[in-house]
Amino acid sequence: MKKLILAVAIVASGLSTFALTVNPIQTEISTVSITEDFKEVALENVPTAVTDAVAKDLSTATLNKAYVNSSEQYKLEITMDGTDNVVYADKDGNWLQAKDVEATQETME
């Protein structure tokens, strides 16, 4: 009797795993590349509002390079605590998120 119950359990589990279907997940991969229209500028040509914002808000940061686009938004390459970072600011020294910076987006599929 025990062997019969065990045999039924094995057969039932085998049939239930066989009945499972694998649903392939189709994913679409799209690559977005952002072409930034920034031109490098000398650190002396960065507005004082921007350099003051770096000195005030990122006091331990060292400004390495600066770039400007046609909308007078600045891309600043800084070193802070031994780590290289990129931050964005407008000409008035207001911080910008990377998504807020004007850029030309090209989508490739």
PDB file of N, CA and C in Angstrom:
ATOM      1  N   MET A   1       0.826  -1.191   0.000  1.00  0.00           N
ATOM      2  CA  MET A   1       0.000   0.000   0.000  1.00  0.00           C
ATOM      3  C   MET A   1       0.872   1.258   0.000  1.00  0.00           C
ATOM      4  N   LYS A   2       1.955   1.215   0.810  1.00  0.00           N
ATOM      5  CA  LYS A   2       2.844   2.362   0.847  1.00  0.00           C
ATOM      6  C   LYS A   2       3.516   2.564  -0.503  1.00  0.00           C
ATOM      7  N   LYS A   3       3.875   1.448  -1.153  1.00  0.00           N
ATOM      8  CA  LYS A   3       4.533   1.553  -2.446  1.00  0.00           C
ATOM      9  C   LYS A   3       3.583   2.120  -3.490  1.00  0.00           C
ATOM     10  N   LEU A   4       2.312   1.797  -3.386  1.00  0.00           N
ATOM     11  CA  LEU A   4       1.320   2.304  -4.329  1.00  0.00           C
ATOM     12  C   LEU A   4       1.158   3.814  -4.168  1.00  0.00           C
ATOM     13  N   ILE A   5       1.077   4.284  -2.935  1.00  0.00           N
ATOM     14  CA  ILE A   5       0.936   5.722  -2.678  1.00  0.00           C
ATOM     15  C   ILE A   5       2.190   6.458  -3.150  1.00  0.00           C
ATOM     16  N   LEU A   6       3.350   5.887  -2.877  1.00  0.00           N
ATOM     17  CA  LEU A   6       4.605   6.493  -3.301  1.00  0.00           C
ATOM     18  C   LEU A   6       4.693   6.534  -4.828  1.00  0.00           C
ATOM     19  N   ALA A   7       4.273   5.483  -5.486  1.00  0.00           N
ATOM     20  CA  ALA A   7       4.310   5.433  -6.949  1.00  0.00           C
ATOM     21  C   ALA A   7       3.366   6.472  -7.547  1.00  0.00           C
ATOM     22  N   VAL A   8       2.175   6.618  -6.964  1.00  0.00           N
ATOM     23  CA  VAL A   8       1.212   7.614  -7.447  1.00  0.00           C
ATOM     24  C   VAL A   8       1.776   9.022  -7.248  1.00  0.00           C
ATOM     25  N   ALA A   9       2.421   9.267  -6.131  1.00  0.00           N
ATOM     26  CA  ALA A   9       2.993  10.585  -5.861  1.00  0.00           C
ATOM     27  C   ALA A   9       4.110  10.911  -6.855  1.00  0.00           C
ATOM     28  N   ILE A  10       4.946   9.944  -7.168  1.00  0.00           N
ATOM     29  CA  ILE A  10       6.036  10.166  -8.119  1.00  0.00           C
ATOM     30  C   ILE A  10       5.487  10.430  -9.514  1.00  0.00           C
ATOM     31  N   VAL A  11       4.511   9.660  -9.931  1.00  0.00           N
ATOM     32  CA  VAL A  11       3.908   9.850 -11.251  1.00  0.00           C
ATOM     33  C   VAL A  11       3.207  11.205 -11.331  1.00  0.00           C
ATOM     34  N   ALA A  12       2.491  11.586 -10.289  1.00  0.00           N
ATOM     35  CA  ALA A  12       1.773  12.863 -10.288  1.00  0.00           C
ATOM     36  C   ALA A  12       2.749  14.033 -10.355  1.00  0.00           C
ATOM     37  N   SER A  13       3.848  13.948  -9.612  1.00  0.00           N
ATOM     38  CA  SER A  13       4.816  15.049  -9.657  1.00  0.00           C
ATOM     39  C   SER A  13       5.514  15.103 -11.012  1.00  0.00           C
ATOM     40  N   GLY A  14       5.750  13.957 -11.607  1.00  0.00           N
ATOM     41  CA  GLY A  14       6.368  13.929 -12.934  1.00  0.00           C
ATOM     42  C   GLY A  14       5.455  14.521 -13.988  1.00  0.00           C
ATOM     43  N   LEU A  15       4.173  14.238 -13.894  1.00  0.00           N
ATOM     44  CA  LEU A  15       3.222  14.785 -14.862  1.00  0.00           C
ATOM     45  C   LEU A  15       3.024  16.278 -14.665  1.00  0.00           C
ATOM     46  N   SER A  16       3.046  16.722 -13.407  1.00  0.00           N
ATOM     47  CA  SER A  16       2.817  18.146 -13.165  1.00  0.00           C
ATOM     48  C   SER A  16       4.004  18.985 -13.640  1.00  0.00           C
ATOM     49  N   THR A  17       5.219  18.470 -13.501  1.00  0.00           N
ATOM     50  CA  THR A  17       6.364  19.229 -14.006  1.00  0.00           C
ATOM     51  C   THR A  17       6.424  19.182 -15.520  1.00  0.00           C
ATOM     52  N   PHE A  18       5.962  18.099 -16.114  1.00  0.00           N
ATOM     53  CA  PHE A  18       5.929  17.998 -17.568  1.00  0.00           C
ATOM     54  C   PHE A  18       4.881  18.939 -18.151  1.00  0.00           C
ATOM     55  N   ALA A  19       3.818  19.204 -17.392  1.00  0.00           N
ATOM     56  CA  ALA A  19       2.731  20.048 -17.878  1.00  0.00           C
ATOM     57  C   ALA A  19       3.097  21.529 -17.867  1.00  0.00           C
ATOM     58  N   LEU A  20       4.149  21.896 -17.146  1.00  0.00           N
ATOM     59  CA  LEU A  20       4.551  23.293 -17.117  1.00  0.00           C
ATOM     60  C   LEU A  20       5.111  23.703 -18.472  1.00  0.00           C
ATOM     61  N   THR A  21       4.684  24.843 -18.939  1.00  0.00           N
ATOM     62  CA  THR A  21       5.211  25.354 -20.202  1.00  0.00           C
ATOM     63  C   THR A  21       6.123  26.531 -19.914  1.00  0.00           C
ATOM     64  N   VAL A  22       7.114  26.639 -20.689  1.00  0.00           N
ATOM     65  CA  VAL A  22       8.047  27.742 -20.535  1.00  0.00           C
ATOM     66  C   VAL A  22       7.604  28.844 -21.476  1.00  0.00           C
ATOM     67  N   ASN A  23       7.280  29.987 -20.903  1.00  0.00           N
ATOM     68  CA  ASN A  23       6.886  31.135 -21.704  1.00  0.00           C
ATOM     69  C   ASN A  23       8.121  31.995 -21.940  1.00  0.00           C
ATOM     70  N   PRO A  24       8.598  32.023 -23.158  1.00  0.00           N
ATOM     71  CA  PRO A  24       9.776  32.857 -23.404  1.00  0.00           C
ATOM     72  C   PRO A  24       9.420  34.333 -23.255  1.00  0.00           C
ATOM     73  N   ILE A  25      10.288  35.043 -22.602  1.00  0.00           N
ATOM     74  CA  ILE A  25      10.074  36.468 -22.396  1.00  0.00           C
ATOM     75  C   ILE A  25      10.801  37.201 -23.508  1.00  0.00           C
ATOM     76  N   GLN A  26      10.034  37.917 -24.288  1.00  0.00           N
ATOM     77  CA  GLN A  26      10.635  38.666 -25.371  1.00  0.00           C
ATOM     78  C   GLN A  26      10.911  40.076 -24.882  1.00  0.00           C
ATOM     79  N   THR A  27      12.145  40.466 -24.993  1.00  0.00           N
ATOM     80  CA  THR A  27      12.517  41.812 -24.592  1.00  0.00           C
ATOM     81  C   THR A  27      13.076  42.548 -25.794  1.00  0.00           C
ATOM     82  N   GLU A  28      12.783  43.800 -25.837  1.00  0.00           N
ATOM     83  CA  GLU A  28      13.304  44.638 -26.900  1.00  0.00           C
ATOM     84  C   GLU A  28      14.390  45.515 -26.300  1.00  0.00           C
ATOM     85  N   ILE A  29      15.539  45.456 -26.889  1.00  0.00           N
ATOM     86  CA  ILE A  29      16.660  46.236 -26.384  1.00  0.00           C
ATOM     87  C   ILE A  29      16.843  47.443 -27.289  1.00  0.00           C
ATOM     88  N   SER A  30      16.785  48.598 -26.689  1.00  0.00           N
ATOM     89  CA  SER A  30      17.046  49.815 -27.452  1.00  0.00           C
ATOM     90  C   SER A  30      18.143  50.588 -26.742  1.00  0.00           C
ATOM     91  N   THR A  31      19.019  51.137 -27.524  1.00  0.00           N
ATOM     92  CA  THR A  31      20.146  51.882 -26.995  1.00  0.00           C
ATOM     93  C   THR A  31      19.920  53.355 -27.261  1.00  0.00           C
ATOM     94  N   VAL A  32      20.065  54.146 -26.232  1.00  0.00           N
ATOM     95  CA  VAL A  32      19.918  55.589 -26.371  1.00  0.00           C
ATOM     96  C   VAL A  32      21.289  56.209 -26.157  1.00  0.00           C
ATOM     97  N   SER A  33      21.741  56.924 -27.146  1.00  0.00           N
ATOM     98  CA  SER A  33      23.006  57.635 -26.989  1.00  0.00           C
ATOM     99  C   SER A  33      22.725  59.127 -27.018  1.00  0.00           C
ATOM    100  N   ILE A  34      23.354  59.819 -26.130  1.00  0.00           N
ATOM    101  CA  ILE A  34      23.138  61.259 -26.031  1.00  0.00           C
ATOM    102  C   ILE A  34      24.371  61.963 -26.585  1.00  0.00           C
ATOM    103  N   THR A  35      24.129  62.768 -27.583  1.00  0.00           N
ATOM    104  CA  THR A  35      25.207  63.554 -28.156  1.00  0.00           C
ATOM    105  C   THR A  35      25.189  64.913 -27.483  1.00  0.00           C
ATOM    106  N   GLU A  36      26.196  65.159 -26.707  1.00  0.00           N
ATOM    107  CA  GLU A  36      26.251  66.414 -25.981  1.00  0.00           C
ATOM    108  C   GLU A  36      26.998  67.440 -26.820  1.00  0.00           C
ATOM    109  N   ASP A  37      26.460  68.615 -26.906  1.00  0.00           N
ATOM    110  CA  ASP A  37      27.068  69.678 -27.683  1.00  0.00           C
ATOM    111  C   ASP A  37      27.888  70.591 -26.787  1.00  0.00           C
ATOM    112  N   PHE A  38      28.682  70.013 -25.912  1.00  0.00           N
ATOM    113  CA  PHE A  38      29.495  70.803 -24.999  1.00  0.00           C
ATOM    114  C   PHE A  38      30.862  71.066 -25.615  1.00  0.00           C
ATOM    115  N   LYS A  39      31.333  72.274 -25.437  1.00  0.00           N
ATOM    116  CA  LYS A  39      32.668  72.672 -25.879  1.00  0.00           C
ATOM    117  C   LYS A  39      33.487  72.995 -24.631  1.00  0.00           C
ATOM    118  N   GLU A  40      34.724  72.545 -24.616  1.00  0.00           N
ATOM    119  CA  GLU A  40      35.576  72.802 -23.449  1.00  0.00           C
ATOM    120  C   GLU A  40      35.929  74.283 -23.373  1.00  0.00           C
ATOM    121  N   VAL A  41      35.897  74.809 -22.162  1.00  0.00           N
ATOM    122  CA  VAL A  41      36.277  76.200 -21.921  1.00  0.00           C
ATOM    123  C   VAL A  41      37.360  76.224 -20.844  1.00  0.00           C
ATOM    124  N   ALA A  42      38.150  77.266 -20.869  1.00  0.00           N
ATOM    125  CA  ALA A  42      39.179  77.432 -19.844  1.00  0.00           C
ATOM    126  C   ALA A  42      38.506  77.707 -18.504  1.00  0.00           C
ATOM    127  N   LEU A  43      39.106  77.225 -17.447  1.00  0.00           N
ATOM    128  CA  LEU A  43      38.523  77.405 -16.118  1.00  0.00           C
ATOM    129  C   LEU A  43      38.383  78.880 -15.758  1.00  0.00           C
ATOM    130  N   GLU A  44      39.236  79.724 -16.326  1.00  0.00           N
ATOM    131  CA  GLU A  44      39.150  81.162 -16.061  1.00  0.00           C
ATOM    132  C   GLU A  44      37.899  81.777 -16.686  1.00  0.00           C
ATOM    133  N   ASN A  45      37.346  81.115 -17.707  1.00  0.00           N
ATOM    134  CA  ASN A  45      36.175  81.646 -18.406  1.00  0.00           C
ATOM    135  C   ASN A  45      34.847  81.155 -17.824  1.00  0.00           C
ATOM    136  N   VAL A  46      34.906  80.344 -16.787  1.00  0.00           N
ATOM    137  CA  VAL A  46      33.685  79.869 -16.130  1.00  0.00           C
ATOM    138  C   VAL A  46      33.141  81.024 -15.292  1.00  0.00           C
ATOM    139  N   PRO A  47      31.829  81.306 -15.385  1.00  0.00           N
ATOM    140  CA  PRO A  47      31.259  82.426 -14.619  1.00  0.00           C
ATOM    141  C   PRO A  47      31.516  82.280 -13.117  1.00  0.00           C
ATOM    142  N   THR A  48      31.660  83.410 -12.464  1.00  0.00           N
ATOM    143  CA  THR A  48      31.923  83.384 -11.021  1.00  0.00           C
ATOM    144  C   THR A  48      30.764  82.767 -10.245  1.00  0.00           C
ATOM    145  N   ALA A  49      29.537  82.888 -10.768  1.00  0.00           N
ATOM    146  CA  ALA A  49      28.390  82.276 -10.086  1.00  0.00           C
ATOM    147  C   ALA A  49      28.553  80.759 -10.033  1.00  0.00           C
ATOM    148  N   VAL A  50      29.094  80.178 -11.091  1.00  0.00           N
ATOM    149  CA  VAL A  50      29.296  78.727 -11.137  1.00  0.00           C
ATOM    150  C   VAL A  50      30.437  78.324 -10.205  1.00  0.00           C
ATOM    151  N   THR A  51      31.547  79.033 -10.268  1.00  0.00           N
ATOM    152  CA  THR A  51      32.672  78.690  -9.389  1.00  0.00           C
ATOM    153  C   THR A  51      32.329  78.926  -7.917  1.00  0.00           C
ATOM    154  N   ASP A  52      31.526  79.954  -7.647  1.00  0.00           N
ATOM    155  CA  ASP A  52      31.082  80.192  -6.268  1.00  0.00           C
ATOM    156  C   ASP A  52      30.175  79.063  -5.784  1.00  0.00           C
ATOM    157  N   ALA A  53      29.316  78.543  -6.675  1.00  0.00           N
ATOM    158  CA  ALA A  53      28.428  77.435  -6.306  1.00  0.00           C
ATOM    159  C   ALA A  53      29.239  76.187  -5.995  1.00  0.00           C
ATOM    160  N   VAL A  54      30.282  75.934  -6.775  1.00  0.00           N
ATOM    161  CA  VAL A  54      31.149  74.784  -6.499  1.00  0.00           C
ATOM    162  C   VAL A  54      31.838  74.972  -5.151  1.00  0.00           C
ATOM    163  N   ALA A  55      32.376  76.163  -4.905  1.00  0.00           N
ATOM    164  CA  ALA A  55      33.075  76.426  -3.643  1.00  0.00           C
ATOM    165  C   ALA A  55      32.137  76.328  -2.446  1.00  0.00           C
ATOM    166  N   LYS A  56      30.893  76.768  -2.622  1.00  0.00           N
ATOM    167  CA  LYS A  56      29.932  76.781  -1.511  1.00  0.00           C
ATOM    168  C   LYS A  56      29.365  75.388  -1.235  1.00  0.00           C
ATOM    169  N   ASP A  57      28.858  74.729  -2.283  1.00  0.00           N
ATOM    170  CA  ASP A  57      28.144  73.461  -2.094  1.00  0.00           C
ATOM    171  C   ASP A  57      29.056  72.238  -2.128  1.00  0.00           C
ATOM    172  N   LEU A  58      30.168  72.339  -2.816  1.00  0.00           N
ATOM    173  CA  LEU A  58      31.088  71.213  -2.947  1.00  0.00           C
ATOM    174  C   LEU A  58      32.475  71.668  -2.493  1.00  0.00           C
ATOM    175  N   SER A  59      32.567  72.056  -1.256  1.00  0.00           N
ATOM    176  CA  SER A  59      33.780  72.713  -0.751  1.00  0.00           C
ATOM    177  C   SER A  59      35.030  71.844  -0.856  1.00  0.00           C
ATOM    178  N   THR A  60      34.877  70.525  -0.823  1.00  0.00           N
ATOM    179  CA  THR A  60      36.046  69.647  -0.911  1.00  0.00           C
ATOM    180  C   THR A  60      36.372  69.255  -2.344  1.00  0.00           C
ATOM    181  N   ALA A  61      35.631  69.777  -3.307  1.00  0.00           N
ATOM    182  CA  ALA A  61      35.818  69.396  -4.711  1.00  0.00           C
ATOM    183  C   ALA A  61      36.876  70.253  -5.379  1.00  0.00           C
ATOM    184  N   THR A  62      37.550  69.642  -6.341  1.00  0.00           N
ATOM    185  CA  THR A  62      38.515  70.344  -7.181  1.00  0.00           C
ATOM    186  C   THR A  62      37.971  70.349  -8.598  1.00  0.00           C
ATOM    187  N   LEU A  63      37.870  71.521  -9.191  1.00  0.00           N
ATOM    188  CA  LEU A  63      37.359  71.658 -10.551  1.00  0.00           C
ATOM    189  C   LEU A  63      38.479  71.337 -11.530  1.00  0.00           C
ATOM    190  N   ASN A  64      38.276  70.282 -12.353  1.00  0.00           N
ATOM    191  CA  ASN A  64      39.306  69.843 -13.290  1.00  0.00           C
ATOM    192  C   ASN A  64      39.105  70.413 -14.686  1.00  0.00           C
ATOM    193  N   LYS A  65      37.894  70.258 -15.220  1.00  0.00           N
ATOM    194  CA  LYS A  65      37.586  70.737 -16.566  1.00  0.00           C
ATOM    195  C   LYS A  65      36.186  71.314 -16.570  1.00  0.00           C
ATOM    196  N   ALA A  66      35.944  72.198 -17.522  1.00  0.00           N
ATOM    197  CA  ALA A  66      34.614  72.792 -17.668  1.00  0.00           C
ATOM    198  C   ALA A  66      34.253  72.814 -19.144  1.00  0.00           C
ATOM    199  N   TYR A  67      32.980  72.562 -19.410  1.00  0.00           N
ATOM    200  CA  TYR A  67      32.449  72.570 -20.766  1.00  0.00           C
ATOM    201  C   TYR A  67      31.178  73.411 -20.755  1.00  0.00           C
ATOM    202  N   VAL A  68      30.845  74.021 -21.884  1.00  0.00           N
ATOM    203  CA  VAL A  68      29.629  74.823 -21.989  1.00  0.00           C
ATOM    204  C   VAL A  68      28.913  74.446 -23.281  1.00  0.00           C
ATOM    205  N   ASN A  69      27.572  74.485 -23.241  1.00  0.00           N
ATOM    206  CA  ASN A  69      26.797  74.240 -24.459  1.00  0.00           C
ATOM    207  C   ASN A  69      26.162  75.542 -24.922  1.00  0.00           C
ATOM    208  N   SER A  70      25.370  75.473 -25.974  1.00  0.00           N
ATOM    209  CA  SER A  70      24.780  76.677 -26.562  1.00  0.00           C
ATOM    210  C   SER A  70      23.759  77.339 -25.644  1.00  0.00           C
ATOM    211  N   SER A  71      23.227  76.613 -24.667  1.00  0.00           N
ATOM    212  CA  SER A  71      22.258  77.173 -23.722  1.00  0.00           C
ATOM    213  C   SER A  71      22.935  77.727 -22.474  1.00  0.00           C
ATOM    214  N   GLU A  72      24.243  77.831 -22.510  1.00  0.00           N
ATOM    215  CA  GLU A  72      25.041  78.308 -21.381  1.00  0.00           C
ATOM    216  C   GLU A  72      24.842  77.450 -20.133  1.00  0.00           C
ATOM    217  N   GLN A  73      24.769  76.159 -20.361  1.00  0.00           N
ATOM    218  CA  GLN A  73      24.759  75.192 -19.271  1.00  0.00           C
ATOM    219  C   GLN A  73      26.168  74.621 -19.192  1.00  0.00           C
ATOM    220  N   TYR A  74      26.646  74.421 -17.989  1.00  0.00           N
ATOM    221  CA  TYR A  74      28.027  74.009 -17.786  1.00  0.00           C
ATOM    222  C   TYR A  74      28.101  72.578 -17.290  1.00  0.00           C
ATOM    223  N   LYS A  75      28.974  71.828 -17.915  1.00  0.00           N
ATOM    224  CA  LYS A  75      29.302  70.472 -17.476  1.00  0.00           C
ATOM    225  C   LYS A  75      30.653  70.587 -16.788  1.00  0.00           C
ATOM    226  N   LEU A  76      30.703  70.218 -15.529  1.00  0.00           N
ATOM    227  CA  LEU A  76      31.916  70.393 -14.732  1.00  0.00           C
ATOM    228  C   LEU A  76      32.459  69.038 -14.308  1.00  0.00           C
ATOM    229  N   GLU A  77      33.698  68.778 -14.647  1.00  0.00           N
ATOM    230  CA  GLU A  77      34.363  67.564 -14.190  1.00  0.00           C
ATOM    231  C   GLU A  77      35.125  67.929 -12.924  1.00  0.00           C
ATOM    232  N   ILE A  78      34.749  67.273 -11.829  1.00  0.00           N
ATOM    233  CA  ILE A  78      35.360  67.589 -10.539  1.00  0.00           C
ATOM    234  C   ILE A  78      35.939  66.328  -9.913  1.00  0.00           C
ATOM    235  N   THR A  79      36.852  66.523  -8.999  1.00  0.00           N
ATOM    236  CA  THR A  79      37.368  65.437  -8.176  1.00  0.00           C
ATOM    237  C   THR A  79      36.979  65.756  -6.744  1.00  0.00           C
ATOM    238  N   MET A  80      36.304  64.786  -6.123  1.00  0.00           N
ATOM    239  CA  MET A  80      35.822  64.988  -4.756  1.00  0.00           C
ATOM    240  C   MET A  80      36.119  63.732  -3.953  1.00  0.00           C
ATOM    241  N   ASP A  81      36.908  63.868  -2.921  1.00  0.00           N
ATOM    242  CA  ASP A  81      37.301  62.748  -2.061  1.00  0.00           C
ATOM    243  C   ASP A  81      37.939  61.617  -2.867  1.00  0.00           C
ATOM    244  N   GLY A  82      38.753  61.970  -3.853  1.00  0.00           N
ATOM    245  CA  GLY A  82      39.449  60.972  -4.662  1.00  0.00           C
ATOM    246  C   GLY A  82      38.612  60.339  -5.749  1.00  0.00           C
ATOM    247  N   THR A  83      37.384  60.792  -5.934  1.00  0.00           N
ATOM    248  CA  THR A  83      36.488  60.234  -6.937  1.00  0.00           C
ATOM    249  C   THR A  83      36.189  61.285  -7.993  1.00  0.00           C
ATOM    250  N   ASP A  84      36.268  60.880  -9.263  1.00  0.00           N
ATOM    251  CA  ASP A  84      35.925  61.790 -10.356  1.00  0.00           C
ATOM    252  C   ASP A  84      34.418  61.798 -10.552  1.00  0.00           C
ATOM    253  N   ASN A  85      33.846  62.980 -10.667  1.00  0.00           N
ATOM    254  CA  ASN A  85      32.404  63.140 -10.849  1.00  0.00           C
ATOM    255  C   ASN A  85      32.144  64.179 -11.927  1.00  0.00           C
ATOM    256  N   VAL A  86      30.923  64.154 -12.452  1.00  0.00           N
ATOM    257  CA  VAL A  86      30.473  65.162 -13.410  1.00  0.00           C
ATOM    258  C   VAL A  86      29.208  65.783 -12.847  1.00  0.00           C
ATOM    259  N   VAL A  87      29.185  67.106 -12.768  1.00  0.00           N
ATOM    260  CA  VAL A  87      28.000  67.834 -12.314  1.00  0.00           C
ATOM    261  C   VAL A  87      27.653  68.875 -13.364  1.00  0.00           C
ATOM    262  N   TYR A  88      26.404  69.315 -13.335  1.00  0.00           N
ATOM    263  CA  TYR A  88      25.918  70.285 -14.308  1.00  0.00           C
ATOM    264  C   TYR A  88      25.363  71.499 -13.573  1.00  0.00           C
ATOM    265  N   ALA A  89      25.604  72.670 -14.147  1.00  0.00           N
ATOM    266  CA  ALA A  89      25.086  73.913 -13.575  1.00  0.00           C
ATOM    267  C   ALA A  89      24.741  74.861 -14.710  1.00  0.00           C
ATOM    268  N   ASP A  90      23.818  75.790 -14.429  1.00  0.00           N
ATOM    269  CA  ASP A  90      23.537  76.816 -15.433  1.00  0.00           C
ATOM    270  C   ASP A  90      24.450  78.011 -15.188  1.00  0.00           C
ATOM    271  N   LYS A  91      24.327  79.026 -16.012  1.00  0.00           N
ATOM    272  CA  LYS A  91      25.239  80.181 -15.925  1.00  0.00           C
ATOM    273  C   LYS A  91      25.078  80.967 -14.630  1.00  0.00           C
ATOM    274  N   ASP A  92      23.932  80.769 -13.946  1.00  0.00           N
ATOM    275  CA  ASP A  92      23.681  81.476 -12.691  1.00  0.00           C
ATOM    276  C   ASP A  92      24.124  80.685 -11.465  1.00  0.00           C
ATOM    277  N   GLY A  93      24.713  79.508 -11.680  1.00  0.00           N
ATOM    278  CA  GLY A  93      25.201  78.701 -10.568  1.00  0.00           C
ATOM    279  C   GLY A  93      24.163  77.782  -9.965  1.00  0.00           C
ATOM    280  N   ASN A  94      23.033  77.596 -10.643  1.00  0.00           N
ATOM    281  CA  ASN A  94      21.999  76.668 -10.166  1.00  0.00           C
ATOM    282  C   ASN A  94      22.343  75.266 -10.655  1.00  0.00           C
ATOM    283  N   TRP A  95      22.222  74.285  -9.767  1.00  0.00           N
ATOM    284  CA  TRP A  95      22.555  72.908 -10.126  1.00  0.00           C
ATOM    285  C   TRP A  95      21.465  72.318 -11.003  1.00  0.00           C
ATOM    286  N   LEU A  96      21.876  71.517 -11.978  1.00  0.00           N
ATOM    287  CA  LEU A  96      20.957  70.864 -12.904  1.00  0.00           C
ATOM    288  C   LEU A  96      21.127  69.358 -12.804  1.00  0.00           C
ATOM    289  N   GLN A  97      20.033  68.638 -13.032  1.00  0.00           N
ATOM    290  CA  GLN A  97      20.104  67.194 -13.163  1.00  0.00           C
ATOM    291  C   GLN A  97      20.555  66.880 -14.584  1.00  0.00           C
ATOM    292  N   ALA A  98      21.196  65.748 -14.778  1.00  0.00           N
ATOM    293  CA  ALA A  98      21.678  65.377 -16.109  1.00  0.00           C
ATOM    294  C   ALA A  98      20.525  65.310 -17.105  1.00  0.00           C
ATOM    295  N   LYS A  99      19.343  64.893 -16.653  1.00  0.00           N
ATOM    296  CA  LYS A  99      18.192  64.785 -17.560  1.00  0.00           C
ATOM    297  C   LYS A  99      17.664  66.154 -17.974  1.00  0.00           C
ATOM    298  N   ASP A 100      17.987  67.203 -17.203  1.00  0.00           N
ATOM    299  CA  ASP A 100      17.513  68.549 -17.515  1.00  0.00           C
ATOM    300  C   ASP A 100      18.422  69.285 -18.493  1.00  0.00           C
ATOM    301  N   VAL A 101      19.590  68.748 -18.724  1.00  0.00           N
ATOM    302  CA  VAL A 101      20.545  69.393 -19.617  1.00  0.00           C
ATOM    303  C   VAL A 101      20.104  69.157 -21.053  1.00  0.00           C
ATOM    304  N   GLU A 102      20.106  70.232 -21.833  1.00  0.00           N
ATOM    305  CA  GLU A 102      19.704  70.103 -23.227  1.00  0.00           C
ATOM    306  C   GLU A 102      20.717  69.254 -23.960  1.00  0.00           C
ATOM    307  N   ALA A 103      20.216  68.267 -24.665  1.00  0.00           N
ATOM    308  CA  ALA A 103      21.083  67.393 -25.451  1.00  0.00           C
ATOM    309  C   ALA A 103      20.279  66.834 -26.606  1.00  0.00           C
ATOM    310  N   THR A 104      20.966  66.431 -27.624  1.00  0.00           N
ATOM    311  CA  THR A 104      20.332  65.792 -28.764  1.00  0.00           C
ATOM    312  C   THR A 104      20.330  64.303 -28.499  1.00  0.00           C
ATOM    313  N   GLN A 105      19.158  63.693 -28.545  1.00  0.00           N
ATOM    314  CA  GLN A 105      19.080  62.267 -28.283  1.00  0.00           C
ATOM    315  C   GLN A 105      18.870  61.521 -29.585  1.00  0.00           C
ATOM    316  N   GLU A 106      19.652  60.456 -29.764  1.00  0.00           N
ATOM    317  CA  GLU A 106      19.499  59.586 -30.910  1.00  0.00           C
ATOM    318  C   GLU A 106      19.139  58.217 -30.371  1.00  0.00           C
ATOM    319  N   THR A 107      18.084  57.626 -30.896  1.00  0.00           N
ATOM    320  CA  THR A 107      17.680  56.307 -30.445  1.00  0.00           C
ATOM    321  C   THR A 107      17.998  55.300 -31.531  1.00  0.00           C
ATOM    322  N   MET A 108      18.712  54.242 -31.146  1.00  0.00           N
ATOM    323  CA  MET A 108      19.057  53.183 -32.086  1.00  0.00           C
ATOM    324  C   MET A 108      18.417  51.903 -31.584  1.00  0.00           C
ATOM    325  N   GLU A 109      17.874  51.133 -32.502  1.00  0.00           N
ATOM    326  CA  GLU A 109      17.265  49.866 -32.090  1.00  0.00           C
ATOM    327  C   GLU A 109      18.015  48.714 -32.689  1.00  0.00           C
TER     328      GLU A 109
END
